Amino acid sequence: MKNFRTYQKSVSFYHLTTSLRVPSPLKDQLHRAASSIVLNLAEGSGRSTMADQKRFYHIAFGSLRECQAVLDLAQTSSSTIREAADSLAASLYCLIKSRG
């Protein structure tokens, strides 16, 4: 997984979410969604067909959008985490498109 750039970005994004100050119910949802990105990328990378990989990468992308929604609800102004989310979204988008 060391050479899987999108996976590495997702792990970094997850760690950024752990340091955010957001209301408790939103923080729990943010952590679950952020960990879902990492876990779905890992599971998808282990699949043998491009269709299976793409399905898990789509789920990871949906979880990222959920994280972005939580950041909006929490009115998070951290440019660092928002830039990390945007960069991860771009990587996920390219990964999905590369699978056909």
C-alpha atoms as a PDB file:
ATOM      1  CA  MET A   1       0.000   0.000   0.000  1.00  0.00           C
ATOM      2  CA  LYS A   2       3.047   2.261   0.212  1.00  0.00           C
ATOM      3  CA  ASN A   3       2.937   2.965  -3.527  1.00  0.00           C
ATOM      4  CA  PHE A   4      -0.827   3.531  -3.591  1.00  0.00           C
ATOM      5  CA  ARG A   5      -0.884   7.341  -3.524  1.00  0.00           C
ATOM      6  CA  THR A   6      -4.654   7.718  -3.092  1.00  0.00           C
ATOM      7  CA  TYR A   7      -4.600   5.321  -0.159  1.00  0.00           C
ATOM      8  CA  GLN A   8      -1.781   7.307   1.474  1.00  0.00           C
ATOM      9  CA  LYS A   9      -3.752  10.535   0.974  1.00  0.00           C
ATOM     10  CA  SER A  10      -6.792   8.929   2.596  1.00  0.00           C
ATOM     11  CA  VAL A  11      -4.757   7.872   5.645  1.00  0.00           C
ATOM     12  CA  SER A  12      -3.397  11.418   5.975  1.00  0.00           C
ATOM     13  CA  PHE A  13      -6.915  12.814   5.628  1.00  0.00           C
ATOM     14  CA  TYR A  14      -8.165  10.472   8.356  1.00  0.00           C
ATOM     15  CA  HIS A  15      -5.438  11.681  10.724  1.00  0.00           C
ATOM     16  CA  LEU A  16      -6.348  15.299   9.992  1.00  0.00           C
ATOM     17  CA  THR A  17      -9.956  14.579  10.967  1.00  0.00           C
ATOM     18  CA  THR A  18      -8.917  13.274  14.371  1.00  0.00           C
ATOM     19  CA  SER A  19      -7.561  16.671  15.389  1.00  0.00           C
ATOM     20  CA  LEU A  20     -10.637  18.679  14.384  1.00  0.00           C
ATOM     21  CA  ARG A  21     -12.909  20.225  16.947  1.00  0.00           C
ATOM     22  CA  VAL A  22     -16.474  19.504  15.867  1.00  0.00           C
ATOM     23  CA  PRO A  23     -19.633  18.685  17.841  1.00  0.00           C
ATOM     24  CA  SER A  24     -19.593  15.142  19.196  1.00  0.00           C
ATOM     25  CA  PRO A  25     -22.273  13.563  16.964  1.00  0.00           C
ATOM     26  CA  LEU A  26     -20.636  15.033  13.882  1.00  0.00           C
ATOM     27  CA  LYS A  27     -17.157  14.025  15.023  1.00  0.00           C
ATOM     28  CA  ASP A  28     -18.236  10.390  15.326  1.00  0.00           C
ATOM     29  CA  GLN A  29     -19.784  10.485  11.859  1.00  0.00           C
ATOM     30  CA  LEU A  30     -16.695  12.177  10.432  1.00  0.00           C
ATOM     31  CA  HIS A  31     -14.379   9.518  11.856  1.00  0.00           C
ATOM     32  CA  ARG A  32     -16.536   6.688  10.571  1.00  0.00           C
ATOM     33  CA  ALA A  33     -16.760   8.192   7.091  1.00  0.00           C
ATOM     34  CA  ALA A  34     -13.028   9.019   6.981  1.00  0.00           C
ATOM     35  CA  SER A  35     -12.099   5.501   8.050  1.00  0.00           C
ATOM     36  CA  SER A  36     -14.519   4.138   5.433  1.00  0.00           C
ATOM     37  CA  ILE A  37     -12.494   5.897   2.728  1.00  0.00           C
ATOM     38  CA  VAL A  38      -9.294   4.179   3.841  1.00  0.00           C
ATOM     39  CA  LEU A  39     -10.914   0.778   4.308  1.00  0.00           C
ATOM     40  CA  ASN A  40     -12.750   0.778   0.977  1.00  0.00           C
ATOM     41  CA  LEU A  41      -9.607   1.780  -0.890  1.00  0.00           C
ATOM     42  CA  ALA A  42      -7.739  -1.061   0.791  1.00  0.00           C
ATOM     43  CA  GLU A  43     -10.466  -3.580   0.042  1.00  0.00           C
ATOM     44  CA  GLY A  44     -10.891  -2.392  -3.528  1.00  0.00           C
ATOM     45  CA  SER A  45      -7.182  -2.649  -4.230  1.00  0.00           C
ATOM     46  CA  GLY A  46      -7.335  -6.308  -3.250  1.00  0.00           C
ATOM     47  CA  ARG A  47     -10.057  -7.146  -5.759  1.00  0.00           C
ATOM     48  CA  SER A  48      -9.090  -8.946  -8.944  1.00  0.00           C
ATOM     49  CA  THR A  49     -11.429  -7.282 -11.426  1.00  0.00           C
ATOM     50  CA  MET A  50     -11.600  -3.639 -12.395  1.00  0.00           C
ATOM     51  CA  ALA A  51     -15.374  -3.659 -11.891  1.00  0.00           C
ATOM     52  CA  ASP A  52     -14.969  -4.807  -8.274  1.00  0.00           C
ATOM     53  CA  GLN A  53     -12.225  -2.271  -7.660  1.00  0.00           C
ATOM     54  CA  LYS A  54     -14.317   0.513  -9.147  1.00  0.00           C
ATOM     55  CA  ARG A  55     -17.287  -0.363  -6.922  1.00  0.00           C
ATOM     56  CA  PHE A  56     -15.199   0.008  -3.750  1.00  0.00           C
ATOM     57  CA  TYR A  57     -13.573   3.190  -5.025  1.00  0.00           C
ATOM     58  CA  HIS A  58     -17.036   4.651  -5.646  1.00  0.00           C
ATOM     59  CA  ILE A  59     -17.987   3.843  -2.064  1.00  0.00           C
ATOM     60  CA  ALA A  60     -14.803   5.564  -0.853  1.00  0.00           C
ATOM     61  CA  PHE A  61     -15.693   8.619  -2.941  1.00  0.00           C
ATOM     62  CA  GLY A  62     -19.168   8.703  -1.397  1.00  0.00           C
ATOM     63  CA  SER A  63     -17.636   8.555   2.075  1.00  0.00           C
ATOM     64  CA  LEU A  64     -15.387  11.473   1.204  1.00  0.00           C
ATOM     65  CA  ARG A  65     -18.414  13.510   0.128  1.00  0.00           C
ATOM     66  CA  GLU A  66     -19.993  12.623   3.475  1.00  0.00           C
ATOM     67  CA  CYS A  67     -16.898  13.980   5.246  1.00  0.00           C
ATOM     68  CA  GLN A  68     -17.118  17.180   3.231  1.00  0.00           C
ATOM     69  CA  ALA A  69     -20.766  17.556   4.235  1.00  0.00           C
ATOM     70  CA  VAL A  70     -19.830  17.130   7.909  1.00  0.00           C
ATOM     71  CA  LEU A  71     -17.171  19.817   7.507  1.00  0.00           C
ATOM     72  CA  ASP A  72     -19.848  22.108   6.071  1.00  0.00           C
ATOM     73  CA  LEU A  73     -22.280  21.359   8.897  1.00  0.00           C
ATOM     74  CA  ALA A  74     -19.592  21.943  11.498  1.00  0.00           C
ATOM     75  CA  GLN A  75     -18.633  25.170   9.709  1.00  0.00           C
ATOM     76  CA  THR A  76     -15.007  24.116   9.733  1.00  0.00           C
ATOM     77  CA  SER A  77     -12.782  26.851   8.404  1.00  0.00           C
ATOM     78  CA  SER A  78      -9.558  24.824   8.371  1.00  0.00           C
ATOM     79  CA  SER A  79      -8.088  25.325   4.924  1.00  0.00           C
ATOM     80  CA  THR A  80      -5.677  22.444   5.543  1.00  0.00           C
ATOM     81  CA  ILE A  81      -8.395  19.818   5.866  1.00  0.00           C
ATOM     82  CA  ARG A  82     -10.499  21.286   3.072  1.00  0.00           C
ATOM     83  CA  GLU A  83      -7.502  21.275   0.718  1.00  0.00           C
ATOM     84  CA  ALA A  84      -6.698  17.698   1.749  1.00  0.00           C
ATOM     85  CA  ALA A  85     -10.303  16.695   1.018  1.00  0.00           C
ATOM     86  CA  ASP A  86     -10.197  18.375  -2.394  1.00  0.00           C
ATOM     87  CA  SER A  87      -6.896  16.717  -3.270  1.00  0.00           C
ATOM     88  CA  LEU A  88      -8.216  13.333  -2.155  1.00  0.00           C
ATOM     89  CA  ALA A  89     -11.406  13.865  -4.177  1.00  0.00           C
ATOM     90  CA  ALA A  90      -9.343  14.551  -7.291  1.00  0.00           C
ATOM     91  CA  SER A  91      -7.257  11.427  -6.716  1.00  0.00           C
ATOM     92  CA  LEU A  92     -10.343   9.288  -6.136  1.00  0.00           C
ATOM     93  CA  TYR A  93     -12.006  10.693  -9.248  1.00  0.00           C
ATOM     94  CA  CYS A  94      -8.966   9.835 -11.381  1.00  0.00           C
ATOM     95  CA  LEU A  95      -8.752   6.381  -9.817  1.00  0.00           C
ATOM     96  CA  ILE A  96     -12.395   5.675 -10.611  1.00  0.00           C
ATOM     97  CA  LYS A  97     -12.047   6.964 -14.184  1.00  0.00           C
ATOM     98  CA  SER A  98      -8.963   4.791 -14.728  1.00  0.00           C
ATOM     99  CA  ARG A  99     -11.073   1.698 -14.070  1.00  0.00           C
ATOM    100  CA  GLY A 100     -13.275   2.376 -17.074  1.00  0.00           C
END
